[in-house]
C-alpha atoms as a PDB file:
ATOM      1  CA  MET A   1      -7.836  41.469  34.947  1.00  0.00           C
ATOM      2  CA  PRO A   2      -6.068  44.487  36.473  1.00  0.00           C
ATOM      3  CA  GLY A   3      -9.258  46.270  37.500  1.00  0.00           C
ATOM      4  CA  THR A   4     -10.883  43.293  39.178  1.00  0.00           C
ATOM      5  CA  SER A   5     -11.242  43.492  42.949  1.00  0.00           C
ATOM      6  CA  GLY A   6      -9.200  41.052  45.006  1.00  0.00           C
ATOM      7  CA  ARG A   7     -12.317  39.213  46.210  1.00  0.00           C
ATOM      8  CA  LEU A   8     -13.487  38.429  42.658  1.00  0.00           C
ATOM      9  CA  ARG A   9     -10.089  37.992  41.020  1.00  0.00           C
ATOM     10  CA  VAL A  10      -9.453  34.390  42.091  1.00  0.00           C
ATOM     11  CA  PRO A  11     -12.969  33.041  41.298  1.00  0.00           C
ATOM     12  CA  LEU A  12     -12.864  34.736  37.898  1.00  0.00           C
ATOM     13  CA  LEU A  13      -9.437  33.269  37.150  1.00  0.00           C
ATOM     14  CA  PHE A  14     -10.650  29.804  38.166  1.00  0.00           C
ATOM     15  CA  ALA A  15     -13.781  30.183  36.028  1.00  0.00           C
ATOM     16  CA  ALA A  16     -11.845  31.474  33.017  1.00  0.00           C
ATOM     17  CA  LEU A  17      -9.290  28.660  33.160  1.00  0.00           C
ATOM     18  CA  GLY A  18     -12.005  26.075  33.741  1.00  0.00           C
ATOM     19  CA  VAL A  19     -13.737  27.134  30.537  1.00  0.00           C
ATOM     20  CA  ILE A  20     -10.576  27.675  28.481  1.00  0.00           C
ATOM     21  CA  TRP A  21      -9.125  24.277  29.426  1.00  0.00           C
ATOM     22  CA  GLY A  22     -12.505  22.571  29.165  1.00  0.00           C
ATOM     23  CA  VAL A  23     -13.178  23.494  25.518  1.00  0.00           C
ATOM     24  CA  PRO A  24      -9.987  22.206  23.784  1.00  0.00           C
ATOM     25  CA  TYR A  25     -11.602  18.788  23.392  1.00  0.00           C
ATOM     26  CA  LEU A  26     -14.482  20.341  21.455  1.00  0.00           C
ATOM     27  CA  MET A  27     -12.073  22.331  19.253  1.00  0.00           C
ATOM     28  CA  ILE A  28      -9.920  19.269  18.606  1.00  0.00           C
ATOM     29  CA  LYS A  29     -13.003  17.265  17.644  1.00  0.00           C
ATOM     30  CA  VAL A  30     -13.964  19.954  15.118  1.00  0.00           C
ATOM     31  CA  ALA A  31     -10.424  20.260  13.731  1.00  0.00           C
ATOM     32  CA  VAL A  32      -9.739  16.534  13.195  1.00  0.00           C
ATOM     33  CA  GLY A  33     -12.777  16.420  10.931  1.00  0.00           C
ATOM     34  CA  GLU A  34     -10.583  18.007   8.249  1.00  0.00           C
ATOM     35  CA  LEU A  35      -6.999  17.943   9.537  1.00  0.00           C
ATOM     36  CA  GLU A  36      -4.613  15.096  10.244  1.00  0.00           C
ATOM     37  CA  PRO A  37      -3.405  14.977  13.873  1.00  0.00           C
ATOM     38  CA  SER A  38       0.154  15.956  12.919  1.00  0.00           C
ATOM     39  CA  THR A  39      -1.098  18.963  10.944  1.00  0.00           C
ATOM     40  CA  LEU A  40      -3.319  20.063  13.814  1.00  0.00           C
ATOM     41  CA  VAL A  41      -0.516  19.814  16.385  1.00  0.00           C
ATOM     42  CA  PHE A  42       1.919  21.633  14.086  1.00  0.00           C
ATOM     43  CA  ALA A  43      -0.513  24.479  13.443  1.00  0.00           C
ATOM     44  CA  ARG A  44      -1.460  24.772  17.104  1.00  0.00           C
ATOM     45  CA  THR A  45       2.134  24.883  18.336  1.00  0.00           C
ATOM     46  CA  VAL A  46       3.131  27.457  15.701  1.00  0.00           C
ATOM     47  CA  VAL A  47       0.281  29.755  16.742  1.00  0.00           C
ATOM     48  CA  ALA A  48       1.009  29.361  20.466  1.00  0.00           C
ATOM     49  CA  ALA A  49       4.789  29.722  20.021  1.00  0.00           C
ATOM     50  CA  ALA A  50       4.280  32.961  18.095  1.00  0.00           C
ATOM     51  CA  VAL A  51       2.757  34.422  21.283  1.00  0.00           C
ATOM     52  CA  MET A  52       4.751  32.683  24.020  1.00  0.00           C
ATOM     53  CA  LEU A  53       8.250  33.080  22.523  1.00  0.00           C
ATOM     54  CA  PRO A  54       8.280  36.918  22.444  1.00  0.00           C
ATOM     55  CA  LEU A  55       6.861  36.935  25.987  1.00  0.00           C
ATOM     56  CA  ALA A  56       9.620  34.627  27.249  1.00  0.00           C
ATOM     57  CA  LEU A  57      12.293  36.627  25.399  1.00  0.00           C
ATOM     58  CA  SER A  58      11.083  39.845  27.015  1.00  0.00           C
ATOM     59  CA  ARG A  59      11.585  38.169  30.410  1.00  0.00           C
ATOM     60  CA  ASN A  60      15.056  36.813  29.512  1.00  0.00           C
ATOM     61  CA  ALA A  61      13.667  33.343  30.170  1.00  0.00           C
ATOM     62  CA  ILE A  62      15.069  31.497  27.134  1.00  0.00           C
ATOM     63  CA  ARG A  63      18.825  31.306  27.706  1.00  0.00           C
ATOM     64  CA  PRO A  64      18.732  29.384  31.018  1.00  0.00           C
ATOM     65  CA  VAL A  65      16.273  26.906  29.486  1.00  0.00           C
ATOM     66  CA  LEU A  66      18.544  26.179  26.517  1.00  0.00           C
ATOM     67  CA  ARG A  67      21.378  25.224  28.881  1.00  0.00           C
ATOM     68  CA  ARG A  68      19.167  22.380  30.162  1.00  0.00           C
ATOM     69  CA  TRP A  69      18.155  21.196  26.696  1.00  0.00           C
ATOM     70  CA  ARG A  70      18.120  17.439  27.362  1.00  0.00           C
ATOM     71  CA  PRO A  71      15.404  17.404  30.054  1.00  0.00           C
ATOM     72  CA  VAL A  72      13.583  20.124  28.106  1.00  0.00           C
ATOM     73  CA  LEU A  73      13.421  17.770  25.111  1.00  0.00           C
ATOM     74  CA  LEU A  74      12.045  15.013  27.339  1.00  0.00           C
ATOM     75  CA  TYR A  75       9.491  17.414  28.827  1.00  0.00           C
ATOM     76  CA  THR A  76       8.441  18.526  25.344  1.00  0.00           C
ATOM     77  CA  ALA A  77       7.948  14.935  24.241  1.00  0.00           C
ATOM     78  CA  VAL A  78       5.803  13.834  27.202  1.00  0.00           C
ATOM     79  CA  GLU A  79       3.921  17.105  27.734  1.00  0.00           C
ATOM     80  CA  ILE A  80       3.209  18.281  24.181  1.00  0.00           C
ATOM     81  CA  VAL A  81       4.276  16.227  21.155  1.00  0.00           C
ATOM     82  CA  VAL A  82       3.238  12.694  22.128  1.00  0.00           C
ATOM     83  CA  PRO A  83       0.062  13.499  24.114  1.00  0.00           C
ATOM     84  CA  TRP A  84      -1.245  16.079  21.640  1.00  0.00           C
ATOM     85  CA  ILE A  85      -0.775  13.685  18.711  1.00  0.00           C
ATOM     86  CA  LEU A  86      -2.432  10.815  20.598  1.00  0.00           C
ATOM     87  CA  LEU A  87      -5.226  13.097  21.795  1.00  0.00           C
ATOM     88  CA  ALA A  88      -6.023  14.247  18.262  1.00  0.00           C
ATOM     89  CA  ARG A  89      -5.911  10.659  16.968  1.00  0.00           C
ATOM     90  CA  ALA A  90      -8.256   9.493  19.728  1.00  0.00           C
ATOM     91  CA  GLU A  91     -10.822  12.208  19.064  1.00  0.00           C
ATOM     92  CA  VAL A  92     -11.249  10.989  15.501  1.00  0.00           C
ATOM     93  CA  HIS A  93     -13.181   8.076  17.036  1.00  0.00           C
ATOM     94  CA  LEU A  94     -14.338   9.314  20.472  1.00  0.00           C
ATOM     95  CA  SER A  95     -16.612  12.160  21.536  1.00  0.00           C
ATOM     96  CA  SER A  96     -15.037  15.280  22.984  1.00  0.00           C
ATOM     97  CA  SER A  97     -16.981  14.914  26.237  1.00  0.00           C
ATOM     98  CA  LEU A  98     -15.848  11.324  26.820  1.00  0.00           C
ATOM     99  CA  THR A  99     -12.270  12.346  26.041  1.00  0.00           C
ATOM    100  CA  GLY A 100     -12.369  15.102  28.636  1.00  0.00           C
ATOM    101  CA  LEU A 101     -13.794  12.741  31.239  1.00  0.00           C
ATOM    102  CA  LEU A 102     -11.195  10.032  30.679  1.00  0.00           C
ATOM    103  CA  LEU A 103      -8.368  12.559  30.968  1.00  0.00           C
ATOM    104  CA  ALA A 104      -9.733  13.624  34.357  1.00  0.00           C
ATOM    105  CA  GLY A 105      -7.931  10.565  35.709  1.00  0.00           C
ATOM    106  CA  VAL A 106      -4.505  12.204  35.315  1.00  0.00           C
ATOM    107  CA  PRO A 107      -4.202  13.002  39.065  1.00  0.00           C
ATOM    108  CA  VAL A 108      -4.884   9.345  39.923  1.00  0.00           C
ATOM    109  CA  VAL A 109      -2.096   8.158  37.617  1.00  0.00           C
ATOM    110  CA  GLY A 110       0.132  10.901  39.007  1.00  0.00           C
ATOM    111  CA  VAL A 111      -0.260   9.463  42.504  1.00  0.00           C
ATOM    112  CA  VAL A 112       0.535   5.963  41.238  1.00  0.00           C
ATOM    113  CA  ILE A 113       3.688   7.238  39.500  1.00  0.00           C
ATOM    114  CA  ALA A 114       4.735   9.033  42.684  1.00  0.00           C
ATOM    115  CA  LEU A 115       4.335   5.771  44.600  1.00  0.00           C
ATOM    116  CA  VAL A 116       6.360   3.837  42.038  1.00  0.00           C
ATOM    117  CA  LEU A 117       9.151   6.431  42.026  1.00  0.00           C
ATOM    118  CA  ARG A 118       9.132   6.542  45.833  1.00  0.00           C
ATOM    119  CA  THR A 119       8.966  10.338  45.930  1.00  0.00           C
ATOM    120  CA  GLY A 120       7.786  10.317  49.529  1.00  0.00           C
ATOM    121  CA  GLU A 121       4.165   9.659  48.607  1.00  0.00           C
ATOM    122  CA  GLN A 122       2.465   7.042  50.804  1.00  0.00           C
ATOM    123  CA  LEU A 123      -0.538   4.956  49.861  1.00  0.00           C
ATOM    124  CA  THR A 124      -3.016   6.108  52.482  1.00  0.00           C
ATOM    125  CA  ALA A 125      -6.497   4.670  52.809  1.00  0.00           C
ATOM    126  CA  ARG A 126      -7.879   7.852  51.265  1.00  0.00           C
ATOM    127  CA  ALA A 127      -5.521   7.667  48.283  1.00  0.00           C
ATOM    128  CA  GLY A 128      -6.245   3.979  47.791  1.00  0.00           C
ATOM    129  CA  THR A 129      -9.979   4.666  47.840  1.00  0.00           C
ATOM    130  CA  GLY A 130      -9.529   7.473  45.333  1.00  0.00           C
ATOM    131  CA  ILE A 131      -7.542   5.269  42.963  1.00  0.00           C
ATOM    132  CA  ALA A 132     -10.172   2.529  43.221  1.00  0.00           C
ATOM    133  CA  LEU A 133     -13.038   4.969  42.561  1.00  0.00           C
ATOM    134  CA  GLY A 134     -11.204   6.457  39.592  1.00  0.00           C
ATOM    135  CA  LEU A 135     -10.645   3.029  38.066  1.00  0.00           C
ATOM    136  CA  VAL A 136     -14.306   2.097  38.532  1.00  0.00           C
ATOM    137  CA  GLY A 137     -15.322   5.365  36.879  1.00  0.00           C
ATOM    138  CA  VAL A 138     -13.058   4.725  33.898  1.00  0.00           C
ATOM    139  CA  ALA A 139     -14.411   1.168  33.643  1.00  0.00           C
ATOM    140  CA  LEU A 140     -17.966   2.511  33.519  1.00  0.00           C
ATOM    141  CA  LEU A 141     -17.118   5.066  30.841  1.00  0.00           C
ATOM    142  CA  VAL A 142     -15.203   2.594  28.676  1.00  0.00           C
ATOM    143  CA  GLY A 143     -17.583  -0.297  29.317  1.00  0.00           C
ATOM    144  CA  PHE A 144     -20.854   1.482  28.595  1.00  0.00           C
ATOM    145  CA  ASP A 145     -20.082   4.651  26.616  1.00  0.00           C
ATOM    146  CA  VAL A 146     -17.529   2.902  24.384  1.00  0.00           C
ATOM    147  CA  GLY A 147     -19.238  -0.478  24.575  1.00  0.00           C
ATOM    148  CA  ALA A 148     -16.239  -2.509  25.685  1.00  0.00           C
ATOM    149  CA  PHE A 149     -18.450  -4.841  27.723  1.00  0.00           C
ATOM    150  CA  GLY A 150     -20.153  -5.905  24.490  1.00  0.00           C
ATOM    151  CA  GLY A 151     -17.009  -6.197  22.385  1.00  0.00           C
ATOM    152  CA  GLY A 152     -16.903  -2.590  21.221  1.00  0.00           C
ATOM    153  CA  ASP A 153     -15.607  -0.929  18.066  1.00  0.00           C
ATOM    154  CA  PRO A 154     -11.884  -1.799  17.676  1.00  0.00           C
ATOM    155  CA  ALA A 155     -11.139   1.745  16.497  1.00  0.00           C
ATOM    156  CA  GLN A 156     -12.756   3.196  19.605  1.00  0.00           C
ATOM    157  CA  LEU A 157     -10.967   0.758  21.894  1.00  0.00           C
ATOM    158  CA  LEU A 158      -7.663   1.730  20.258  1.00  0.00           C
ATOM    159  CA  ALA A 159      -8.596   5.384  20.824  1.00  0.00           C
ATOM    160  CA  VAL A 160      -9.153   4.643  24.523  1.00  0.00           C
ATOM    161  CA  ALA A 161      -5.700   3.047  24.653  1.00  0.00           C
ATOM    162  CA  GLU A 162      -4.270   6.177  23.029  1.00  0.00           C
ATOM    163  CA  LEU A 163      -5.940   8.287  25.702  1.00  0.00           C
ATOM    164  CA  GLY A 164      -4.291   6.021  28.253  1.00  0.00           C
ATOM    165  CA  GLY A 165      -0.977   7.078  26.736  1.00  0.00           C
ATOM    166  CA  VAL A 166      -2.027  10.721  27.035  1.00  0.00           C
ATOM    167  CA  VAL A 167      -2.890  10.258  30.723  1.00  0.00           C
ATOM    168  CA  VAL A 168       0.480   8.648  31.442  1.00  0.00           C
ATOM    169  CA  CYS A 169       2.339  11.413  29.571  1.00  0.00           C
ATOM    170  CA  TYR A 170       0.461  14.148  31.422  1.00  0.00           C
ATOM    171  CA  ALA A 171       1.256  12.442  34.732  1.00  0.00           C
ATOM    172  CA  ILE A 172       4.972  12.139  33.868  1.00  0.00           C
ATOM    173  CA  GLY A 173       5.378  15.719  32.596  1.00  0.00           C
ATOM    174  CA  PRO A 174       5.149  17.427  36.001  1.00  0.00           C
ATOM    175  CA  VAL A 175       7.571  14.871  37.439  1.00  0.00           C
ATOM    176  CA  VAL A 176      10.147  15.837  34.786  1.00  0.00           C
ATOM    177  CA  MET A 177       9.531  19.527  35.481  1.00  0.00           C
ATOM    178  CA  VAL A 178       9.868  19.194  39.245  1.00  0.00           C
ATOM    179  CA  ARG A 179      12.872  16.854  39.180  1.00  0.00           C
ATOM    180  CA  ALA A 180      14.914  18.257  36.282  1.00  0.00           C
ATOM    181  CA  LEU A 181      13.689  21.815  35.677  1.00  0.00           C
ATOM    182  CA  PRO A 182      12.496  23.201  39.023  1.00  0.00           C
ATOM    183  CA  ASP A 183      14.647  26.324  38.987  1.00  0.00           C
ATOM    184  CA  LEU A 184      13.856  27.398  35.424  1.00  0.00           C
ATOM    185  CA  PRO A 185      11.234  30.016  34.501  1.00  0.00           C
ATOM    186  CA  ALA A 186       8.074  28.200  33.420  1.00  0.00           C
ATOM    187  CA  SER A 187       7.385  30.749  30.677  1.00  0.00           C
ATOM    188  CA  GLY A 188      10.750  29.926  29.106  1.00  0.00           C
ATOM    189  CA  VAL A 189      10.228  26.160  29.375  1.00  0.00           C
ATOM    190  CA  ILE A 190       6.786  26.446  27.768  1.00  0.00           C
ATOM    191  CA  ALA A 191       7.997  28.736  24.959  1.00  0.00           C
ATOM    192  CA  VAL A 192      10.990  26.560  24.085  1.00  0.00           C
ATOM    193  CA  SER A 193       8.884  23.406  24.278  1.00  0.00           C
ATOM    194  CA  LEU A 194       6.329  24.879  21.857  1.00  0.00           C
ATOM    195  CA  VAL A 195       9.050  25.848  19.376  1.00  0.00           C
ATOM    196  CA  VAL A 196      10.641  22.381  19.591  1.00  0.00           C
ATOM    197  CA  ALA A 197       7.227  20.735  19.191  1.00  0.00           C
ATOM    198  CA  ALA A 198       6.503  22.852  16.117  1.00  0.00           C
ATOM    199  CA  LEU A 199       9.829  21.816  14.580  1.00  0.00           C
ATOM    200  CA  ALA A 200       9.252  18.156  15.469  1.00  0.00           C
ATOM    201  CA  THR A 201       5.850  18.071  13.759  1.00  0.00           C
ATOM    202  CA  ALA A 202       6.682  20.389  10.859  1.00  0.00           C
ATOM    203  CA  VAL A 203       7.504  17.757   8.221  1.00  0.00           C
ATOM    204  CA  PRO A 204       4.542  15.387   8.774  1.00  0.00           C
ATOM    205  CA  GLY A 205       2.306  18.357   9.524  1.00  0.00           C
ATOM    206  CA  VAL A 206       3.043  20.030   6.196  1.00  0.00           C
ATOM    207  CA  LEU A 207       3.083  16.806   4.147  1.00  0.00           C
ATOM    208  CA  GLN A 208      -0.301  15.713   5.533  1.00  0.00           C
ATOM    209  CA  ALA A 209      -1.920  19.137   5.241  1.00  0.00           C
ATOM    210  CA  PRO A 210      -5.091  19.211   3.097  1.00  0.00           C
ATOM    211  CA  ASP A 211      -4.878  20.489  -0.469  1.00  0.00           C
ATOM    212  CA  ALA A 212      -7.693  22.982   0.114  1.00  0.00           C
ATOM    213  CA  TRP A 213      -7.879  25.596   2.877  1.00  0.00           C
ATOM    214  CA  PRO A 214      -9.884  24.218   5.837  1.00  0.00           C
ATOM    215  CA  SER A 215     -13.353  25.486   6.624  1.00  0.00           C
ATOM    216  CA  ALA A 216     -13.912  28.475   8.909  1.00  0.00           C
ATOM    217  CA  PRO A 217     -14.865  26.351  11.976  1.00  0.00           C
ATOM    218  CA  VAL A 218     -11.629  24.385  11.655  1.00  0.00           C
ATOM    219  CA  VAL A 219      -9.493  27.512  11.254  1.00  0.00           C
ATOM    220  CA  LEU A 220     -11.175  29.113  14.263  1.00  0.00           C
ATOM    221  CA  SER A 221     -10.636  25.910  16.260  1.00  0.00           C
ATOM    222  CA  VAL A 222      -6.903  25.898  15.486  1.00  0.00           C
ATOM    223  CA  LEU A 223      -6.588  29.573  16.389  1.00  0.00           C
ATOM    224  CA  GLY A 224      -8.589  28.971  19.559  1.00  0.00           C
ATOM    225  CA  LEU A 225      -6.362  26.060  20.558  1.00  0.00           C
ATOM    226  CA  GLY A 226      -3.184  28.071  20.002  1.00  0.00           C
ATOM    227  CA  LEU A 227      -4.218  31.506  21.262  1.00  0.00           C
ATOM    228  CA  LEU A 228      -6.826  30.784  23.940  1.00  0.00           C
ATOM    229  CA  CYS A 229      -6.238  27.233  25.172  1.00  0.00           C
ATOM    230  CA  THR A 230      -2.437  27.488  25.169  1.00  0.00           C
ATOM    231  CA  ALA A 231      -1.023  31.033  25.216  1.00  0.00           C
ATOM    232  CA  LEU A 232      -3.794  32.841  27.129  1.00  0.00           C
ATOM    233  CA  ALA A 233      -4.428  29.849  29.397  1.00  0.00           C
ATOM    234  CA  PHE A 234      -0.831  29.742  30.587  1.00  0.00           C
ATOM    235  CA  HIS A 235      -0.850  33.501  31.166  1.00  0.00           C
ATOM    236  CA  LEU A 236      -3.988  33.158  33.301  1.00  0.00           C
ATOM    237  CA  LEU A 237      -2.409  30.209  35.102  1.00  0.00           C
ATOM    238  CA  PHE A 238       0.591  32.365  36.020  1.00  0.00           C
ATOM    239  CA  LEU A 239      -1.804  34.961  37.458  1.00  0.00           C
ATOM    240  CA  LEU A 240      -3.744  32.309  39.366  1.00  0.00           C
ATOM    241  CA  VAL A 241      -0.615  30.771  40.867  1.00  0.00           C
ATOM    242  CA  ALA A 242       0.519  34.219  41.959  1.00  0.00           C
ATOM    243  CA  GLU A 243      -2.768  34.539  43.838  1.00  0.00           C
ATOM    244  CA  VAL A 244      -3.257  31.065  45.369  1.00  0.00           C
ATOM    245  CA  GLY A 245      -0.030  29.113  44.800  1.00  0.00           C
ATOM    246  CA  ALA A 246       0.769  26.179  42.528  1.00  0.00           C
ATOM    247  CA  VAL A 247      -0.782  23.509  44.755  1.00  0.00           C
ATOM    248  CA  ARG A 248      -4.235  25.089  45.017  1.00  0.00           C
ATOM    249  CA  ALA A 249      -4.133  26.045  41.332  1.00  0.00           C
ATOM    250  CA  THR A 250      -4.229  22.349  40.395  1.00  0.00           C
ATOM    251  CA  LEU A 251      -7.871  22.290  41.569  1.00  0.00           C
ATOM    252  CA  ILE A 252      -8.685  23.569  38.074  1.00  0.00           C
ATOM    253  CA  THR A 253      -8.187  19.955  36.937  1.00  0.00           C
ATOM    254  CA  TYR A 254     -11.528  19.013  38.484  1.00  0.00           C
ATOM    255  CA  LEU A 255     -13.530  21.722  36.689  1.00  0.00           C
ATOM    256  CA  ASN A 256     -12.326  21.068  33.143  1.00  0.00           C
ATOM    257  CA  PRO A 257     -14.122  17.719  32.600  1.00  0.00           C
ATOM    258  CA  ALA A 258     -17.503  19.201  33.506  1.00  0.00           C
ATOM    259  CA  VAL A 259     -16.977  21.994  30.980  1.00  0.00           C
ATOM    260  CA  ALA A 260     -15.916  19.423  28.353  1.00  0.00           C
ATOM    261  CA  VAL A 261     -19.136  17.447  28.881  1.00  0.00           C
ATOM    262  CA  VAL A 262     -21.395  20.507  28.742  1.00  0.00           C
ATOM    263  CA  ALA A 263     -19.634  21.867  25.635  1.00  0.00           C
ATOM    264  CA  GLY A 264     -19.829  18.532  23.828  1.00  0.00           C
ATOM    265  CA  VAL A 265     -23.513  18.041  24.615  1.00  0.00           C
ATOM    266  CA  LEU A 266     -24.613  21.593  23.812  1.00  0.00           C
ATOM    267  CA  VAL A 267     -22.429  22.386  20.791  1.00  0.00           C
ATOM    268  CA  LEU A 268     -21.810  18.997  19.151  1.00  0.00           C
ATOM    269  CA  ASP A 269     -25.016  17.285  20.307  1.00  0.00           C
ATOM    270  CA  GLU A 270     -23.064  14.469  21.960  1.00  0.00           C
ATOM    271  CA  ARG A 271     -24.898  11.896  24.099  1.00  0.00           C
ATOM    272  CA  LEU A 272     -25.216  12.309  27.839  1.00  0.00           C
ATOM    273  CA  THR A 273     -25.783   8.848  29.336  1.00  0.00           C
ATOM    274  CA  TRP A 274     -26.160   7.630  32.893  1.00  0.00           C
ATOM    275  CA  ALA A 275     -22.701   6.046  32.589  1.00  0.00           C
ATOM    276  CA  THR A 276     -21.283   9.459  31.652  1.00  0.00           C
ATOM    277  CA  VAL A 277     -22.791  11.100  34.727  1.00  0.00           C
ATOM    278  CA  VAL A 278     -21.841   8.346  37.183  1.00  0.00           C
ATOM    279  CA  GLY A 279     -18.428   7.804  35.607  1.00  0.00           C
ATOM    280  CA  PHE A 280     -17.733  11.529  35.779  1.00  0.00           C
ATOM    281  CA  GLY A 281     -18.545  11.614  39.471  1.00  0.00           C
ATOM    282  CA  LEU A 282     -16.367   8.598  40.229  1.00  0.00           C
ATOM    283  CA  VAL A 283     -13.366   9.731  38.169  1.00  0.00           C
ATOM    284  CA  VAL A 284     -13.343  13.294  39.486  1.00  0.00           C
ATOM    285  CA  GLY A 285     -14.171  12.219  43.043  1.00  0.00           C
ATOM    286  CA  GLY A 286     -11.449   9.601  42.920  1.00  0.00           C
ATOM    287  CA  SER A 287      -8.963  12.148  41.601  1.00  0.00           C
ATOM    288  CA  VAL A 288      -9.785  14.531  44.429  1.00  0.00           C
ATOM    289  CA  LEU A 289      -9.310  11.817  47.067  1.00  0.00           C
ATOM    290  CA  ALA A 290      -6.183  10.333  45.519  1.00  0.00           C
ATOM    291  CA  SER A 291      -4.346  13.612  45.001  1.00  0.00           C
ATOM    292  CA  ARG A 292      -5.455  15.478  48.128  1.00  0.00           C
ATOM    293  CA  ARG A 293      -2.565  16.474  50.364  1.00  0.00           C
ATOM    294  CA  ARG A 294      -2.189  17.784  53.871  1.00  0.00           C
ATOM    295  CA  PRO A 295      -1.432  21.527  53.869  1.00  0.00           C
ATOM    296  CA  VAL A 296       2.170  22.074  52.853  1.00  0.00           C
ATOM    297  CA  THR A 297       4.522  25.004  52.481  1.00  0.00           C
ATOM    298  CA  GLU A 298       4.431  26.214  48.892  1.00  0.00           C
ATOM    299  CA  THR A 299       7.799  25.605  47.217  1.00  0.00           C
ATOM    300  CA  VAL A 300       6.960  25.699  43.523  1.00  0.00           C
ATOM    301  CA  PRO A 301       7.762  29.203  42.224  1.00  0.00           C
ATOM    302  CA  GLU A 302       5.799  28.900  38.992  1.00  0.00           C
ATOM    303  CA  PRO A 303       2.980  26.659  37.738  1.00  0.00           C
ATOM    304  CA  VAL A 304       3.437  23.081  36.607  1.00  0.00           C
ATOM    305  CA  ALA A 305       0.398  22.010  34.611  1.00  0.00           C
ATOM    306  CA  GLN A 306      -0.565  20.195  31.449  1.00  0.00           C
ATOM    307  CA  CYS A 307      -2.475  21.920  28.683  1.00  0.00           C
ATOM    308  CA  PRO A 308      -5.031  19.602  27.029  1.00  0.00           C
END
């Protein structure tokens, strides 16, 4: 957005990222209709790595990352391989809008992890209220939209548990980045992680690939996930962080769920219930309260964020 005026640049970046990271759930829902989760993750990482790797190489950002290969492997596991597989598995049984809403609780879990690890985070009244509101919101979504209060479909309940694993992974990923990889270029970490993830899912991804070429909507979904929701999204995130800093850039987390709900309802004709609306408000409101900080000096040189 080189020609955009400074006054419009930040709102446009926020809006673009909000949409781009709000629609992956819709694309995943379309793709898992014909692809196994391992095949989807393999294809997505190959597409994204094909864009991100040359970019990182042009910035000489690969070599320093390879020297720290052990924490990079851990970061790849908790930020890409495990959560993306679980996310795809969960969306076989859950709507894309509900998935996006449940993952909005990542900041709440992040605060809990910070408390457990004693990173200096203190359980203030505001944070405690936020955690409580987030949990009530999740309970509403799972209880009414999934039907857990009435027994529920075992497959859907298992999918909710898988999303719980995704939330925990996404909350741990930034901790690994900040503690073990803070001085490395984020573009290099992302590029190497995508290549490693592609290699890790190559065998099951190829073996479980369908015999026939997928339909056009599925192919477009895979390309969209790799090119738009991963490669372009991280590029826009770098631009946004350069404008507002890494801390303020995390506010994008609260816009994505709303986009996921709107996209699911409008494109896939998913249900919009009262529990969805109230649960959304509680989860996002709780996340805002739980993760809100006092103004601090920005120390993170490049963005630390999870890509859904």
